[in-house]
């Protein structure tokens, strides 16, 4: 999908990587807060981009949520290889972001001092 940044078009795919990326709509502040807490606690960086009619990444016709089939307040977590790792309709919430990332990275149980699941 093409988005507008300061009068220039950018592909939504170009926003993803080199690490994990969250693409969020109007509720991006909640997702950004969760990502900042994860970075503070683990050092893992998750880029958060807000997409919407009046957001940092303008979606002039407001079709992004419909095109990616997201409910209001939803987000998509994209892996570094640009594949969708999780969606808010599939259990992704700001509170579940860290456990999902730990699972994706094979660090399940690392917060409790356990060995990662392989």
PDB file of N, CA and C in Angstrom:
ATOM      1  N   UNK A   1       0.845  -1.168   0.000  1.00  0.00           N
ATOM      2  CA  UNK A   1       0.000   0.000   0.000  1.00  0.00           C
ATOM      3  C   UNK A   1       0.892   1.233   0.000  1.00  0.00           C
ATOM      4  N   UNK A   2       0.486   2.239  -0.742  1.00  0.00           N
ATOM      5  CA  UNK A   2       1.232   3.485  -0.814  1.00  0.00           C
ATOM      6  C   UNK A   2       0.692   4.471   0.212  1.00  0.00           C
ATOM      7  N   UNK A   3       1.622   5.103   0.933  1.00  0.00           N
ATOM      8  CA  UNK A   3       1.291   6.100   1.940  1.00  0.00           C
ATOM      9  C   UNK A   3       1.999   7.394   1.590  1.00  0.00           C
ATOM     10  N   UNK A   4       1.557   8.475   2.201  1.00  0.00           N
ATOM     11  CA  UNK A   4       2.139   9.780   1.921  1.00  0.00           C
ATOM     12  C   UNK A   4       2.927  10.271   3.135  1.00  0.00           C
ATOM     13  N   UNK A   5       4.178  10.648   2.905  1.00  0.00           N
ATOM     14  CA  UNK A   5       5.029  11.208   3.954  1.00  0.00           C
ATOM     15  C   UNK A   5       5.577  12.525   3.420  1.00  0.00           C
ATOM     16  N   UNK A   6       5.067  13.619   3.929  1.00  0.00           N
ATOM     17  CA  UNK A   6       5.562  14.927   3.507  1.00  0.00           C
ATOM     18  C   UNK A   6       5.488  15.163   2.009  1.00  0.00           C
ATOM     19  N   UNK A   7       4.418  14.686   1.377  1.00  0.00           N
ATOM     20  CA  UNK A   7       4.258  14.884  -0.051  1.00  0.00           C
ATOM     21  C   UNK A   7       4.945  13.847  -0.912  1.00  0.00           C
ATOM     22  N   UNK A   8       5.607  12.874  -0.300  1.00  0.00           N
ATOM     23  CA  UNK A   8       6.281  11.802  -1.040  1.00  0.00           C
ATOM     24  C   UNK A   8       5.582  10.477  -0.745  1.00  0.00           C
ATOM     25  N   UNK A   9       5.487   9.636  -1.740  1.00  0.00           N
ATOM     26  CA  UNK A   9       4.892   8.333  -1.538  1.00  0.00           C
ATOM     27  C   UNK A   9       5.929   7.347  -1.028  1.00  0.00           C
ATOM     28  N   UNK A  10       5.487   6.508  -0.111  1.00  0.00           N
ATOM     29  CA  UNK A  10       6.334   5.450   0.425  1.00  0.00           C
ATOM     30  C   UNK A  10       5.479   4.189   0.531  1.00  0.00           C
ATOM     31  N   UNK A  11       6.083   3.063   0.242  1.00  0.00           N
ATOM     32  CA  UNK A  11       5.386   1.790   0.375  1.00  0.00           C
ATOM     33  C   UNK A  11       5.355   1.383   1.840  1.00  0.00           C
ATOM     34  N   UNK A  12       4.260   0.800   2.265  1.00  0.00           N
ATOM     35  CA  UNK A  12       4.172   0.299   3.647  1.00  0.00           C
ATOM     36  C   UNK A  12       5.279  -0.725   3.906  1.00  0.00           C
ATOM     37  N   UNK A  13       5.684  -1.478   2.890  1.00  0.00           N
ATOM     38  CA  UNK A  13       6.765  -2.454   3.055  1.00  0.00           C
ATOM     39  C   UNK A  13       8.101  -1.786   3.358  1.00  0.00           C
ATOM     40  N   UNK A  14       8.303  -0.590   2.835  1.00  0.00           N
ATOM     41  CA  UNK A  14       9.556   0.117   3.080  1.00  0.00           C
ATOM     42  C   UNK A  14       9.694   0.568   4.530  1.00  0.00           C
ATOM     43  N   UNK A  15       8.619   0.530   5.286  1.00  0.00           N
ATOM     44  CA  UNK A  15       8.651   0.924   6.688  1.00  0.00           C
ATOM     45  C   UNK A  15       9.148  -0.208   7.582  1.00  0.00           C
ATOM     46  N   UNK A  16       9.163  -1.409   7.049  1.00  0.00           N
ATOM     47  CA  UNK A  16       9.440  -2.594   7.854  1.00  0.00           C
ATOM     48  C   UNK A  16      10.912  -2.988   7.772  1.00  0.00           C
ATOM     49  N   UNK A  17      11.469  -3.278   8.951  1.00  0.00           N
ATOM     50  CA  UNK A  17      12.852  -3.711   9.029  1.00  0.00           C
ATOM     51  C   UNK A  17      13.770  -2.549   9.343  1.00  0.00           C
ATOM     52  N   UNK A  18      14.967  -2.800   9.756  1.00  0.00           N
ATOM     53  CA  UNK A  18      15.608  -4.099   9.818  1.00  0.00           C
ATOM     54  C   UNK A  18      15.141  -4.948  11.000  1.00  0.00           C
ATOM     55  N   UNK A  19      14.488  -4.365  11.997  1.00  0.00           N
ATOM     56  CA  UNK A  19      13.975  -5.137  13.131  1.00  0.00           C
ATOM     57  C   UNK A  19      12.472  -5.325  13.017  1.00  0.00           C
ATOM     58  N   UNK A  20      11.850  -5.590  14.165  1.00  0.00           N
ATOM     59  CA  UNK A  20      10.400  -5.732  14.198  1.00  0.00           C
ATOM     60  C   UNK A  20       9.741  -4.366  14.034  1.00  0.00           C
ATOM     61  N   UNK A  21       8.579  -4.359  13.405  1.00  0.00           N
ATOM     62  CA  UNK A  21       7.848  -3.131  13.143  1.00  0.00           C
ATOM     63  C   UNK A  21       6.380  -3.336  13.456  1.00  0.00           C
ATOM     64  N   UNK A  22       5.795  -2.350  14.119  1.00  0.00           N
ATOM     65  CA  UNK A  22       4.352  -2.328  14.347  1.00  0.00           C
ATOM     66  C   UNK A  22       3.748  -1.264  13.450  1.00  0.00           C
ATOM     67  N   UNK A  23       2.746  -1.634  12.688  1.00  0.00           N
ATOM     68  CA  UNK A  23       1.991  -0.686  11.884  1.00  0.00           C
ATOM     69  C   UNK A  23       0.635  -0.538  12.575  1.00  0.00           C
ATOM     70  N   UNK A  24       0.353   0.667  13.035  1.00  0.00           N
ATOM     71  CA  UNK A  24      -0.852   0.905  13.824  1.00  0.00           C
ATOM     72  C   UNK A  24      -1.654   2.057  13.257  1.00  0.00           C
ATOM     73  N   UNK A  25      -2.904   2.090  13.628  1.00  0.00           N
ATOM     74  CA  UNK A  25      -3.789   3.167  13.215  1.00  0.00           C
ATOM     75  C   UNK A  25      -3.846   4.251  14.277  1.00  0.00           C
ATOM     76  N   UNK A  26      -5.046   4.753  14.504  1.00  0.00           N
ATOM     77  CA  UNK A  26      -5.248   5.898  15.378  1.00  0.00           C
ATOM     78  C   UNK A  26      -4.821   5.652  16.823  1.00  0.00           C
ATOM     79  N   UNK A  27      -4.723   4.407  17.245  1.00  0.00           N
ATOM     80  CA  UNK A  27      -4.350   4.084  18.627  1.00  0.00           C
ATOM     81  C   UNK A  27      -2.854   3.802  18.756  1.00  0.00           C
ATOM     82  N   UNK A  28      -2.057   4.389  17.887  1.00  0.00           N
ATOM     83  CA  UNK A  28      -0.619   4.114  17.872  1.00  0.00           C
ATOM     84  C   UNK A  28       0.077   4.485  19.177  1.00  0.00           C
ATOM     85  N   UNK A  29      -0.449   5.448  19.923  1.00  0.00           N
ATOM     86  CA  UNK A  29       0.197   5.849  21.180  1.00  0.00           C
ATOM     87  C   UNK A  29       0.273   4.676  22.161  1.00  0.00           C
ATOM     88  N   UNK A  30      -0.764   3.866  22.232  1.00  0.00           N
ATOM     89  CA  UNK A  30      -0.743   2.686  23.126  1.00  0.00           C
ATOM     90  C   UNK A  30       0.326   1.701  22.677  1.00  0.00           C
ATOM     91  N   UNK A  31       0.405   1.475  21.378  1.00  0.00           N
ATOM     92  CA  UNK A  31       1.395   0.541  20.837  1.00  0.00           C
ATOM     93  C   UNK A  31       2.804   1.086  21.033  1.00  0.00           C
ATOM     94  N   UNK A  32       2.977   2.389  20.827  1.00  0.00           N
ATOM     95  CA  UNK A  32       4.291   3.023  21.006  1.00  0.00           C
ATOM     96  C   UNK A  32       4.731   2.898  22.473  1.00  0.00           C
ATOM     97  N   UNK A  33       3.804   3.091  23.393  1.00  0.00           N
ATOM     98  CA  UNK A  33       4.116   2.961  24.816  1.00  0.00           C
ATOM     99  C   UNK A  33       4.560   1.538  25.147  1.00  0.00           C
ATOM    100  N   UNK A  34       3.860   0.554  24.616  1.00  0.00           N
ATOM    101  CA  UNK A  34       4.238  -0.842  24.854  1.00  0.00           C
ATOM    102  C   UNK A  34       5.626  -1.129  24.284  1.00  0.00           C
ATOM    103  N   UNK A  35       5.914  -0.619  23.089  1.00  0.00           N
ATOM    104  CA  UNK A  35       7.228  -0.825  22.468  1.00  0.00           C
ATOM    105  C   UNK A  35       8.330  -0.163  23.286  1.00  0.00           C
ATOM    106  N   UNK A  36       8.060   1.021  23.827  1.00  0.00           N
ATOM    107  CA  UNK A  36       9.063   1.711  24.650  1.00  0.00           C
ATOM    108  C   UNK A  36       9.323   0.951  25.944  1.00  0.00           C
ATOM    109  N   UNK A  37       8.277   0.367  26.543  1.00  0.00           N
ATOM    110  CA  UNK A  37       8.460  -0.426  27.761  1.00  0.00           C
ATOM    111  C   UNK A  37       9.295  -1.672  27.467  1.00  0.00           C
ATOM    112  N   UNK A  38       9.067  -2.267  26.316  1.00  0.00           N
ATOM    113  CA  UNK A  38       9.847  -3.447  25.932  1.00  0.00           C
ATOM    114  C   UNK A  38      11.306  -3.073  25.733  1.00  0.00           C
ATOM    115  N   UNK A  39      11.551  -1.957  25.071  1.00  0.00           N
ATOM    116  CA  UNK A  39      12.947  -1.538  24.874  1.00  0.00           C
ATOM    117  C   UNK A  39      13.617  -1.244  26.211  1.00  0.00           C
ATOM    118  N   UNK A  40      12.903  -0.573  27.109  1.00  0.00           N
ATOM    119  CA  UNK A  40      13.478  -0.249  28.413  1.00  0.00           C
ATOM    120  C   UNK A  40      13.778  -1.513  29.217  1.00  0.00           C
ATOM    121  N   UNK A  41      12.931  -2.524  29.096  1.00  0.00           N
ATOM    122  CA  UNK A  41      13.103  -3.737  29.883  1.00  0.00           C
ATOM    123  C   UNK A  41      14.007  -4.776  29.273  1.00  0.00           C
ATOM    124  N   UNK A  42      14.112  -4.778  27.941  1.00  0.00           N
ATOM    125  CA  UNK A  42      14.857  -5.858  27.286  1.00  0.00           C
ATOM    126  C   UNK A  42      15.935  -5.369  26.321  1.00  0.00           C
ATOM    127  N   UNK A  43      15.846  -4.120  25.900  1.00  0.00           N
ATOM    128  CA  UNK A  43      16.764  -3.604  24.891  1.00  0.00           C
ATOM    129  C   UNK A  43      16.303  -3.876  23.472  1.00  0.00           C
ATOM    130  N   UNK A  44      15.223  -4.619  23.315  1.00  0.00           N
ATOM    131  CA  UNK A  44      14.696  -4.946  21.993  1.00  0.00           C
ATOM    132  C   UNK A  44      13.924  -3.758  21.430  1.00  0.00           C
ATOM    133  N   UNK A  45      14.317  -3.327  20.243  1.00  0.00           N
ATOM    134  CA  UNK A  45      13.656  -2.190  19.602  1.00  0.00           C
ATOM    135  C   UNK A  45      12.555  -2.687  18.672  1.00  0.00           C
ATOM    136  N   UNK A  46      11.400  -2.034  18.779  1.00  0.00           N
ATOM    137  CA  UNK A  46      10.281  -2.284  17.880  1.00  0.00           C
ATOM    138  C   UNK A  46       9.862  -0.929  17.333  1.00  0.00           C
ATOM    139  N   UNK A  47      10.019  -0.735  16.039  1.00  0.00           N
ATOM    140  CA  UNK A  47       9.605   0.523  15.416  1.00  0.00           C
ATOM    141  C   UNK A  47       8.079   0.546  15.352  1.00  0.00           C
ATOM    142  N   UNK A  48       7.495   1.702  15.633  1.00  0.00           N
ATOM    143  CA  UNK A  48       6.044   1.869  15.571  1.00  0.00           C
ATOM    144  C   UNK A  48       5.737   2.994  14.603  1.00  0.00           C
ATOM    145  N   UNK A  49       4.875   2.695  13.642  1.00  0.00           N
ATOM    146  CA  UNK A  49       4.462   3.695  12.659  1.00  0.00           C
ATOM    147  C   UNK A  49       2.956   3.849  12.719  1.00  0.00           C
ATOM    148  N   UNK A  50       2.508   5.085  12.807  1.00  0.00           N
ATOM    149  CA  UNK A  50       1.076   5.381  12.804  1.00  0.00           C
ATOM    150  C   UNK A  50       0.634   5.690  11.376  1.00  0.00           C
ATOM    151  N   UNK A  51      -0.434   5.035  10.962  1.00  0.00           N
ATOM    152  CA  UNK A  51      -0.977   5.223   9.624  1.00  0.00           C
ATOM    153  C   UNK A  51      -2.410   5.701   9.746  1.00  0.00           C
ATOM    154  N   UNK A  52      -2.729   6.781   9.075  1.00  0.00           N
ATOM    155  CA  UNK A  52      -4.097   7.304   9.103  1.00  0.00           C
ATOM    156  C   UNK A  52      -4.197   8.581   8.304  1.00  0.00           C
ATOM    157  N   UNK A  53      -5.411   9.108   8.149  1.00  0.00           N
ATOM    158  CA  UNK A  53      -5.607  10.319   7.337  1.00  0.00           C
ATOM    159  C   UNK A  53      -4.763  11.513   7.796  1.00  0.00           C
ATOM    160  N   UNK A  54      -4.573  11.670   9.096  1.00  0.00           N
ATOM    161  CA  UNK A  54      -3.806  12.808   9.611  1.00  0.00           C
ATOM    162  C   UNK A  54      -2.588  12.366  10.411  1.00  0.00           C
ATOM    163  N   UNK A  55      -2.092  11.158  10.142  1.00  0.00           N
ATOM    164  CA  UNK A  55      -0.983  10.595  10.908  1.00  0.00           C
ATOM    165  C   UNK A  55       0.346  10.914  10.258  1.00  0.00           C
ATOM    166  N   UNK A  56       1.452  10.469  10.906  1.00  0.00           N
ATOM    167  CA  UNK A  56       2.797  10.650  10.350  1.00  0.00           C
ATOM    168  C   UNK A  56       2.888  10.054   8.949  1.00  0.00           C
ATOM    169  N   UNK A  57       2.209   8.944   8.746  1.00  0.00           N
ATOM    170  CA  UNK A  57       2.120   8.298   7.439  1.00  0.00           C
ATOM    171  C   UNK A  57       0.677   8.435   6.983  1.00  0.00           C
ATOM    172  N   UNK A  58       0.463   9.386   6.103  1.00  0.00           N
ATOM    173  CA  UNK A  58      -0.898   9.710   5.702  1.00  0.00           C
ATOM    174  C   UNK A  58      -1.476   8.656   4.765  1.00  0.00           C
ATOM    175  N   UNK A  59      -2.657   8.268   5.103  1.00  0.00           N
ATOM    176  CA  UNK A  59      -3.472   7.381   4.284  1.00  0.00           C
ATOM    177  C   UNK A  59      -4.652   8.254   3.853  1.00  0.00           C
ATOM    178  N   UNK A  60      -4.473   9.022   2.794  1.00  0.00           N
ATOM    179  CA  UNK A  60      -5.433  10.067   2.441  1.00  0.00           C
ATOM    180  C   UNK A  60      -6.892   9.623   2.361  1.00  0.00           C
ATOM    181  N   UNK A  61      -7.130   8.415   1.868  1.00  0.00           N
ATOM    182  CA  UNK A  61      -8.523   7.994   1.762  1.00  0.00           C
ATOM    183  C   UNK A  61      -8.976   7.151   2.952  1.00  0.00           C
ATOM    184  N   UNK A  62      -8.098   6.939   3.937  1.00  0.00           N
ATOM    185  CA  UNK A  62      -8.466   6.201   5.149  1.00  0.00           C
ATOM    186  C   UNK A  62      -8.746   4.729   4.920  1.00  0.00           C
ATOM    187  N   UNK A  63      -8.195   4.152   3.867  1.00  0.00           N
ATOM    188  CA  UNK A  63      -8.508   2.765   3.529  1.00  0.00           C
ATOM    189  C   UNK A  63      -7.577   1.735   4.156  1.00  0.00           C
ATOM    190  N   UNK A  64      -6.497   2.177   4.822  1.00  0.00           N
ATOM    191  CA  UNK A  64      -5.528   1.216   5.349  1.00  0.00           C
ATOM    192  C   UNK A  64      -6.157   0.177   6.281  1.00  0.00           C
ATOM    193  N   UNK A  65      -6.949   0.569   7.295  1.00  0.00           N
ATOM    194  CA  UNK A  65      -7.508  -0.472   8.174  1.00  0.00           C
ATOM    195  C   UNK A  65      -8.357  -1.491   7.415  1.00  0.00           C
ATOM    196  N   UNK A  66      -9.114  -1.010   6.448  1.00  0.00           N
ATOM    197  CA  UNK A  66      -9.953  -1.917   5.660  1.00  0.00           C
ATOM    198  C   UNK A  66      -9.104  -2.827   4.782  1.00  0.00           C
ATOM    199  N   UNK A  67      -8.077  -2.283   4.179  1.00  0.00           N
ATOM    200  CA  UNK A  67      -7.233  -3.096   3.297  1.00  0.00           C
ATOM    201  C   UNK A  67      -6.486  -4.187   4.037  1.00  0.00           C
ATOM    202  N   UNK A  68      -6.142  -3.936   5.296  1.00  0.00           N
ATOM    203  CA  UNK A  68      -5.449  -4.965   6.081  1.00  0.00           C
ATOM    204  C   UNK A  68      -6.392  -5.663   7.058  1.00  0.00           C
ATOM    205  N   UNK A  69      -7.689  -5.322   6.964  1.00  0.00           N
ATOM    206  CA  UNK A  69      -8.749  -5.942   7.775  1.00  0.00           C
ATOM    207  C   UNK A  69      -8.482  -5.818   9.272  1.00  0.00           C
ATOM    208  N   UNK A  70      -8.166  -4.591   9.714  1.00  0.00           N
ATOM    209  CA  UNK A  70      -7.938  -4.339  11.135  1.00  0.00           C
ATOM    210  C   UNK A  70      -9.100  -3.566  11.740  1.00  0.00           C
ATOM    211  N   UNK A  71      -9.450  -3.930  12.948  1.00  0.00           N
ATOM    212  CA  UNK A  71     -10.451  -3.178  13.698  1.00  0.00           C
ATOM    213  C   UNK A  71      -9.809  -1.902  14.229  1.00  0.00           C
ATOM    214  N   UNK A  72     -10.624  -0.965  14.643  1.00  0.00           N
ATOM    215  CA  UNK A  72     -10.115   0.281  15.223  1.00  0.00           C
ATOM    216  C   UNK A  72      -9.195  -0.036  16.395  1.00  0.00           C
ATOM    217  N   UNK A  73      -8.069   0.661  16.473  1.00  0.00           N
ATOM    218  CA  UNK A  73      -7.120   0.447  17.554  1.00  0.00           C
ATOM    219  C   UNK A  73      -6.179  -0.716  17.331  1.00  0.00           C
ATOM    220  N   UNK A  74      -6.298  -1.369  16.191  1.00  0.00           N
ATOM    221  CA  UNK A  74      -5.497  -2.547  15.923  1.00  0.00           C
ATOM    222  C   UNK A  74      -4.104  -2.227  15.401  1.00  0.00           C
ATOM    223  N   UNK A  75      -3.307  -3.278  15.289  1.00  0.00           N
ATOM    224  CA  UNK A  75      -1.943  -3.145  14.774  1.00  0.00           C
ATOM    225  C   UNK A  75      -1.514  -4.459  14.147  1.00  0.00           C
ATOM    226  N   UNK A  76      -0.488  -4.350  13.325  1.00  0.00           N
ATOM    227  CA  UNK A  76       0.123  -5.515  12.690  1.00  0.00           C
ATOM    228  C   UNK A  76       1.591  -5.515  13.091  1.00  0.00           C
ATOM    229  N   UNK A  77       2.073  -6.637  13.598  1.00  0.00           N
ATOM    230  CA  UNK A  77       3.485  -6.805  13.935  1.00  0.00           C
ATOM    231  C   UNK A  77       4.159  -7.494  12.760  1.00  0.00           C
ATOM    232  N   UNK A  78       5.186  -6.836  12.203  1.00  0.00           N
ATOM    233  CA  UNK A  78       5.879  -7.356  11.029  1.00  0.00           C
ATOM    234  C   UNK A  78       7.285  -7.781  11.445  1.00  0.00           C
ATOM    235  N   UNK A  79       7.667  -8.987  11.026  1.00  0.00           N
ATOM    236  CA  UNK A  79       9.007  -9.499  11.311  1.00  0.00           C
ATOM    237  C   UNK A  79      10.039  -8.747  10.477  1.00  0.00           C
ATOM    238  N   UNK A  80      11.307  -8.868  10.816  1.00  0.00           N
ATOM    239  CA  UNK A  80      12.363  -8.213  10.034  1.00  0.00           C
ATOM    240  C   UNK A  80      12.393  -8.623   8.561  1.00  0.00           C
ATOM    241  N   UNK A  81      11.897  -9.821   8.237  1.00  0.00           N
ATOM    242  CA  UNK A  81      11.881 -10.272   6.844  1.00  0.00           C
ATOM    243  C   UNK A  81      10.600  -9.857   6.115  1.00  0.00           C
ATOM    244  N   UNK A  82       9.843  -8.967   6.703  1.00  0.00           N
ATOM    245  CA  UNK A  82       8.636  -8.356   6.151  1.00  0.00           C
ATOM    246  C   UNK A  82       7.434  -9.294   6.086  1.00  0.00           C
ATOM    247  N   UNK A  83       7.445 -10.343   6.871  1.00  0.00           N
ATOM    248  CA  UNK A  83       6.272 -11.213   6.987  1.00  0.00           C
ATOM    249  C   UNK A  83       5.496 -10.819   8.234  1.00  0.00           C
ATOM    250  N   UNK A  84       4.188 -10.898   8.162  1.00  0.00           N
ATOM    251  CA  UNK A  84       3.361 -10.574   9.321  1.00  0.00           C
ATOM    252  C   UNK A  84       3.553 -11.650  10.378  1.00  0.00           C
ATOM    253  N   UNK A  85       3.916 -11.212  11.578  1.00  0.00           N
ATOM    254  CA  UNK A  85       4.131 -12.132  12.688  1.00  0.00           C
ATOM    255  C   UNK A  85       2.876 -12.275  13.539  1.00  0.00           C
ATOM    256  N   UNK A  86       2.131 -11.177  13.700  1.00  0.00           N
ATOM    257  CA  UNK A  86       0.922 -11.204  14.529  1.00  0.00           C
ATOM    258  C   UNK A  86       0.045 -10.022  14.142  1.00  0.00           C
ATOM    259  N   UNK A  87      -1.226 -10.197  14.400  1.00  0.00           N
ATOM    260  CA  UNK A  87      -2.212  -9.151  14.130  1.00  0.00           C
ATOM    261  C   UNK A  87      -3.054  -8.969  15.387  1.00  0.00           C
ATOM    262  N   UNK A  88      -3.596  -7.785  15.557  1.00  0.00           N
ATOM    263  CA  UNK A  88      -4.388  -7.531  16.763  1.00  0.00           C
ATOM    264  C   UNK A  88      -5.629  -8.404  16.815  1.00  0.00           C
ATOM    265  N   UNK A  89      -6.144  -8.873  15.683  1.00  0.00           N
ATOM    266  CA  UNK A  89      -7.302  -9.754  15.710  1.00  0.00           C
ATOM    267  C   UNK A  89      -6.909 -11.205  15.992  1.00  0.00           C
ATOM    268  N   UNK A  90      -5.625 -11.466  16.082  1.00  0.00           N
ATOM    269  CA  UNK A  90      -5.145 -12.809  16.359  1.00  0.00           C
ATOM    270  C   UNK A  90      -4.482 -12.914  17.721  1.00  0.00           C
ATOM    271  N   UNK A  91      -4.842 -12.053  18.649  1.00  0.00           N
ATOM    272  CA  UNK A  91      -4.304 -12.121  19.989  1.00  0.00           C
ATOM    273  C   UNK A  91      -3.286 -11.050  20.316  1.00  0.00           C
ATOM    274  N   UNK A  92      -2.879 -10.260  19.352  1.00  0.00           N
ATOM    275  CA  UNK A  92      -1.911  -9.206  19.612  1.00  0.00           C
ATOM    276  C   UNK A  92      -2.600  -8.028  20.295  1.00  0.00           C
ATOM    277  N   UNK A  93      -2.116  -7.684  21.469  1.00  0.00           N
ATOM    278  CA  UNK A  93      -2.552  -6.494  22.188  1.00  0.00           C
ATOM    279  C   UNK A  93      -1.282  -5.835  22.711  1.00  0.00           C
ATOM    280  N   UNK A  94      -1.361  -4.574  23.121  1.00  0.00           N
ATOM    281  CA  UNK A  94      -0.153  -3.978  23.703  1.00  0.00           C
ATOM    282  C   UNK A  94       0.404  -4.801  24.863  1.00  0.00           C
ATOM    283  N   UNK A  95      -0.472  -5.401  25.677  1.00  0.00           N
ATOM    284  CA  UNK A  95      -0.005  -6.201  26.815  1.00  0.00           C
ATOM    285  C   UNK A  95       0.613  -7.531  26.395  1.00  0.00           C
ATOM    286  N   UNK A  96       0.205  -8.053  25.246  1.00  0.00           N
ATOM    287  CA  UNK A  96       0.742  -9.349  24.806  1.00  0.00           C
ATOM    288  C   UNK A  96       1.949  -9.204  23.886  1.00  0.00           C
ATOM    289  N   UNK A  97       2.346  -7.983  23.584  1.00  0.00           N
ATOM    290  CA  UNK A  97       3.434  -7.774  22.634  1.00  0.00           C
ATOM    291  C   UNK A  97       4.738  -8.428  23.094  1.00  0.00           C
ATOM    292  N   UNK A  98       5.132  -8.253  24.339  1.00  0.00           N
ATOM    293  CA  UNK A  98       6.384  -8.852  24.819  1.00  0.00           C
ATOM    294  C   UNK A  98       6.351 -10.375  24.759  1.00  0.00           C
ATOM    295  N   UNK A  99       5.323 -11.052  25.263  1.00  0.00           N
ATOM    296  CA  UNK A  99       5.320 -12.514  25.151  1.00  0.00           C
ATOM    297  C   UNK A  99       5.345 -13.006  23.702  1.00  0.00           C
ATOM    298  N   UNK A 100       4.683 -12.290  22.806  1.00  0.00           N
ATOM    299  CA  UNK A 100       4.708 -12.689  21.404  1.00  0.00           C
ATOM    300  C   UNK A 100       6.121 -12.541  20.839  1.00  0.00           C
ATOM    301  N   UNK A 101       6.777 -11.422  21.129  1.00  0.00           N
ATOM    302  CA  UNK A 101       8.145 -11.226  20.655  1.00  0.00           C
ATOM    303  C   UNK A 101       9.084 -12.273  21.242  1.00  0.00           C
ATOM    304  N   UNK A 102       8.926 -12.581  22.523  1.00  0.00           N
ATOM    305  CA  UNK A 102       9.778 -13.605  23.142  1.00  0.00           C
ATOM    306  C   UNK A 102       9.586 -14.958  22.476  1.00  0.00           C
ATOM    307  N   UNK A 103       8.347 -15.294  22.143  1.00  0.00           N
ATOM    308  CA  UNK A 103       8.077 -16.554  21.453  1.00  0.00           C
ATOM    309  C   UNK A 103       8.730 -16.553  20.075  1.00  0.00           C
ATOM    310  N   UNK A 104       8.572 -15.461  19.342  1.00  0.00           N
ATOM    311  CA  UNK A 104       9.164 -15.373  18.003  1.00  0.00           C
ATOM    312  C   UNK A 104      10.679 -15.488  18.036  1.00  0.00           C
ATOM    313  N   UNK A 105      11.293 -14.986  19.112  1.00  0.00           N
ATOM    314  CA  UNK A 105      12.745 -14.992  19.231  1.00  0.00           C
ATOM    315  C   UNK A 105      13.283 -16.212  19.975  1.00  0.00           C
ATOM    316  N   UNK A 106      12.393 -17.116  20.367  1.00  0.00           N
ATOM    317  CA  UNK A 106      12.823 -18.314  21.089  1.00  0.00           C
ATOM    318  C   UNK A 106      13.258 -18.022  22.505  1.00  0.00           C
ATOM    319  N   UNK A 107      12.706 -16.980  23.077  1.00  0.00           N
ATOM    320  CA  UNK A 107      13.074 -16.586  24.437  1.00  0.00           C
ATOM    321  C   UNK A 107      11.953 -16.853  25.428  1.00  0.00           C
ATOM    322  N   UNK A 108      11.074 -17.759  25.141  1.00  0.00           N
ATOM    323  CA  UNK A 108       9.944 -18.048  26.021  1.00  0.00           C
ATOM    324  C   UNK A 108      10.475 -18.456  27.376  1.00  0.00           C
ATOM    325  N   UNK A 109       9.974 -17.811  28.407  1.00  0.00           N
ATOM    326  CA  UNK A 109      10.405 -18.110  29.757  1.00  0.00           C
ATOM    327  C   UNK A 109      11.630 -17.353  30.199  1.00  0.00           C
ATOM    328  N   UNK A 110      12.225 -16.553  29.318  1.00  0.00           N
ATOM    329  CA  UNK A 110      13.462 -15.854  29.676  1.00  0.00           C
ATOM    330  C   UNK A 110      13.225 -14.824  30.774  1.00  0.00           C
ATOM    331  N   UNK A 111      12.048 -14.252  30.826  1.00  0.00           N
ATOM    332  CA  UNK A 111      11.763 -13.245  31.852  1.00  0.00           C
ATOM    333  C   UNK A 111      11.709 -13.892  33.230  1.00  0.00           C
ATOM    334  N   UNK A 112      11.366 -15.168  33.285  1.00  0.00           N
ATOM    335  CA  UNK A 112      11.274 -15.859  34.565  1.00  0.00           C
ATOM    336  C   UNK A 112      12.572 -16.597  34.882  1.00  0.00           C
ATOM    337  N   UNK A 113      13.611 -16.384  34.086  1.00  0.00           N
ATOM    338  CA  UNK A 113      14.893 -17.016  34.348  1.00  0.00           C
ATOM    339  C   UNK A 113      14.978 -18.437  33.845  1.00  0.00           C
ATOM    340  N   UNK A 114      14.012 -18.837  33.013  1.00  0.00           N
ATOM    341  CA  UNK A 114      14.014 -20.184  32.485  1.00  0.00           C
ATOM    342  C   UNK A 114      14.789 -20.219  31.173  1.00  0.00           C
ATOM    343  N   UNK A 115      15.152 -21.424  30.758  1.00  0.00           N
ATOM    344  CA  UNK A 115      15.821 -21.577  29.460  1.00  0.00           C
ATOM    345  C   UNK A 115      14.815 -21.322  28.352  1.00  0.00           C
ATOM    346  N   UNK A 116      15.254 -20.739  27.251  1.00  0.00           N
ATOM    347  CA  UNK A 116      14.348 -20.547  26.122  1.00  0.00           C
ATOM    348  C   UNK A 116      13.882 -21.869  25.544  1.00  0.00           C
ATOM    349  N   UNK A 117      12.682 -21.856  25.012  1.00  0.00           N
ATOM    350  CA  UNK A 117      12.141 -23.025  24.318  1.00  0.00           C
ATOM    351  C   UNK A 117      12.777 -23.081  22.945  1.00  0.00           C
ATOM    352  N   UNK A 118      13.236 -24.247  22.549  1.00  0.00           N
ATOM    353  CA  UNK A 118      13.843 -24.392  21.217  1.00  0.00           C
ATOM    354  C   UNK A 118      12.959 -25.143  20.281  1.00  0.00           C
TER     355      UNK A 118
END
